[in-house]
N, C-alpha and C. Protein backbone atom coordinates (compact mmCIF):
# COMPACT_ATOMS: atom_id res chain seq x y z
N MET A 1 97.38 101.34 81.68
CA MET A 1 97.33 102.72 81.25
C MET A 1 96.77 103.58 82.38
N ALA A 2 97.27 104.78 82.45
CA ALA A 2 96.85 105.72 83.49
C ALA A 2 95.73 106.61 82.97
N LYS A 3 94.99 107.20 83.89
CA LYS A 3 93.95 108.15 83.52
C LYS A 3 94.49 109.56 83.73
N TYR A 4 94.16 110.44 82.78
CA TYR A 4 94.58 111.83 82.83
C TYR A 4 93.36 112.73 82.68
N LEU A 5 93.40 113.87 83.38
CA LEU A 5 92.38 114.90 83.23
C LEU A 5 92.96 116.02 82.38
N VAL A 6 92.38 116.21 81.19
CA VAL A 6 92.85 117.24 80.26
C VAL A 6 91.89 118.42 80.35
N CYS A 7 92.42 119.61 80.66
CA CYS A 7 91.60 120.81 80.81
C CYS A 7 92.07 121.88 79.82
N GLY A 8 91.12 122.67 79.34
CA GLY A 8 91.48 123.74 78.43
C GLY A 8 90.26 124.47 77.91
N ARG A 9 90.42 125.10 76.74
CA ARG A 9 89.35 125.89 76.12
C ARG A 9 89.25 125.56 74.64
N ILE A 10 88.02 125.60 74.15
CA ILE A 10 87.77 125.44 72.72
C ILE A 10 87.32 126.79 72.20
N GLY A 11 88.02 127.31 71.22
CA GLY A 11 87.72 128.64 70.69
C GLY A 11 88.85 129.58 71.02
N SER A 12 88.67 130.84 70.70
CA SER A 12 89.76 131.79 70.87
C SER A 12 89.55 132.70 72.08
N GLY A 13 90.66 133.06 72.71
CA GLY A 13 90.66 134.03 73.79
C GLY A 13 89.84 133.62 75.00
N LYS A 14 89.37 134.61 75.74
CA LYS A 14 88.59 134.37 76.95
C LYS A 14 87.17 133.91 76.63
N THR A 15 86.74 134.09 75.40
CA THR A 15 85.38 133.70 75.03
C THR A 15 85.28 132.21 74.71
N GLY A 16 86.42 131.52 74.72
CA GLY A 16 86.42 130.09 74.43
C GLY A 16 85.66 129.31 75.49
N LYS A 17 85.05 128.22 75.07
CA LYS A 17 84.28 127.38 75.98
C LYS A 17 85.23 126.44 76.74
N PRO A 18 85.22 126.47 78.08
CA PRO A 18 86.10 125.59 78.84
C PRO A 18 85.67 124.13 78.74
N PHE A 19 86.63 123.22 78.86
CA PHE A 19 86.31 121.80 78.85
C PHE A 19 87.22 121.05 79.81
N GLU A 20 86.73 119.90 80.26
CA GLU A 20 87.51 118.93 81.03
C GLU A 20 87.21 117.57 80.43
N LYS A 21 88.23 116.81 80.14
CA LYS A 21 88.06 115.51 79.50
C LYS A 21 88.97 114.52 80.21
N THR A 22 88.42 113.37 80.61
CA THR A 22 89.22 112.31 81.21
C THR A 22 89.54 111.29 80.12
N VAL A 23 90.83 111.00 79.95
CA VAL A 23 91.27 110.06 78.92
C VAL A 23 92.24 109.06 79.54
N GLU A 24 92.33 107.89 78.93
CA GLU A 24 93.31 106.88 79.32
C GLU A 24 94.45 106.92 78.32
N ALA A 25 95.68 106.99 78.85
CA ALA A 25 96.85 107.04 77.97
C ALA A 25 98.08 106.54 78.73
N ILE A 26 99.12 106.24 77.98
CA ILE A 26 100.37 105.76 78.57
C ILE A 26 101.17 106.91 79.16
N SER A 27 101.12 108.08 78.50
CA SER A 27 101.90 109.24 78.96
C SER A 27 101.07 110.52 78.82
N GLU A 28 101.61 111.60 79.39
CA GLU A 28 100.95 112.90 79.30
C GLU A 28 100.86 113.37 77.84
N LYS A 29 101.90 113.13 77.08
CA LYS A 29 101.93 113.54 75.68
C LYS A 29 100.82 112.82 74.89
N LEU A 30 100.67 111.53 75.13
CA LEU A 30 99.62 110.78 74.44
C LEU A 30 98.22 111.19 74.92
N ALA A 31 98.11 111.62 76.17
CA ALA A 31 96.82 112.11 76.67
C ALA A 31 96.41 113.37 75.90
N ARG A 32 97.37 114.26 75.63
CA ARG A 32 97.08 115.45 74.83
C ARG A 32 96.62 115.08 73.42
N GLU A 33 97.35 114.15 72.81
CA GLU A 33 97.01 113.72 71.46
C GLU A 33 95.63 113.07 71.42
N THR A 34 95.31 112.28 72.44
CA THR A 34 94.00 111.63 72.50
C THR A 34 92.89 112.67 72.61
N ALA A 35 93.10 113.72 73.40
CA ALA A 35 92.10 114.78 73.54
C ALA A 35 91.88 115.49 72.21
N TYR A 36 92.97 115.83 71.53
CA TYR A 36 92.86 116.46 70.21
C TYR A 36 92.08 115.55 69.25
N SER A 37 92.42 114.28 69.27
CA SER A 37 91.78 113.31 68.38
C SER A 37 90.29 113.18 68.65
N LEU A 38 89.92 113.11 69.93
CA LEU A 38 88.50 112.95 70.28
C LEU A 38 87.68 114.16 69.86
N PHE A 39 88.18 115.36 70.13
CA PHE A 39 87.45 116.56 69.73
C PHE A 39 87.37 116.68 68.22
N GLY A 40 88.43 116.30 67.53
CA GLY A 40 88.43 116.38 66.07
C GLY A 40 87.46 115.40 65.44
N SER A 41 87.44 114.16 65.93
CA SER A 41 86.59 113.15 65.31
C SER A 41 85.12 113.28 65.73
N ASN A 42 84.87 113.65 66.97
CA ASN A 42 83.48 113.73 67.44
C ASN A 42 82.78 115.04 67.10
N ALA A 43 83.52 116.14 67.14
CA ALA A 43 82.89 117.44 66.95
C ALA A 43 83.42 118.20 65.73
N GLY A 44 84.41 117.65 65.05
CA GLY A 44 84.95 118.31 63.87
C GLY A 44 85.73 119.58 64.18
N ILE A 45 86.32 119.65 65.37
CA ILE A 45 87.07 120.83 65.79
C ILE A 45 88.54 120.66 65.41
N LYS A 46 89.11 121.68 64.79
CA LYS A 46 90.51 121.63 64.38
C LYS A 46 91.43 121.83 65.59
N ARG A 47 92.62 121.26 65.50
CA ARG A 47 93.59 121.36 66.60
C ARG A 47 93.93 122.81 66.95
N SER A 48 93.95 123.67 65.95
CA SER A 48 94.30 125.07 66.20
C SER A 48 93.25 125.79 67.04
N ALA A 49 92.04 125.25 67.12
CA ALA A 49 90.97 125.87 67.90
C ALA A 49 90.93 125.34 69.33
N ILE A 50 91.76 124.34 69.64
CA ILE A 50 91.77 123.74 70.97
C ILE A 50 93.01 124.22 71.72
N LYS A 51 92.82 124.79 72.90
CA LYS A 51 93.92 125.26 73.74
C LYS A 51 93.93 124.41 75.02
N ILE A 52 94.90 123.49 75.11
CA ILE A 52 95.02 122.65 76.30
C ILE A 52 95.85 123.41 77.33
N GLU A 53 95.25 123.63 78.51
CA GLU A 53 95.90 124.40 79.56
C GLU A 53 96.62 123.53 80.57
N SER A 54 96.10 122.33 80.85
CA SER A 54 96.75 121.45 81.80
C SER A 54 96.40 119.99 81.55
N VAL A 55 97.32 119.12 81.94
CA VAL A 55 97.10 117.67 81.89
C VAL A 55 97.56 117.12 83.23
N ASP A 56 96.64 116.56 84.01
CA ASP A 56 96.96 116.05 85.34
C ASP A 56 96.67 114.57 85.43
N LYS A 57 97.57 113.83 86.04
CA LYS A 57 97.39 112.39 86.23
C LYS A 57 96.44 112.17 87.40
N LEU A 58 95.47 111.29 87.20
CA LEU A 58 94.50 111.00 88.26
C LEU A 58 94.93 109.80 89.07
């Protein structure tokens, strides 16, 4: 599995808190899903509140 750096914001608009998360996944699509899943299970954040801006392979 490859490592991906997922970057984005939690919250709405420019006031959202930026984040960077490194995840292991088979593809870029699964890296996005893993990031959504981690934020949802660990912090109780809904997918609609998470804005993923980029996914880069490391």
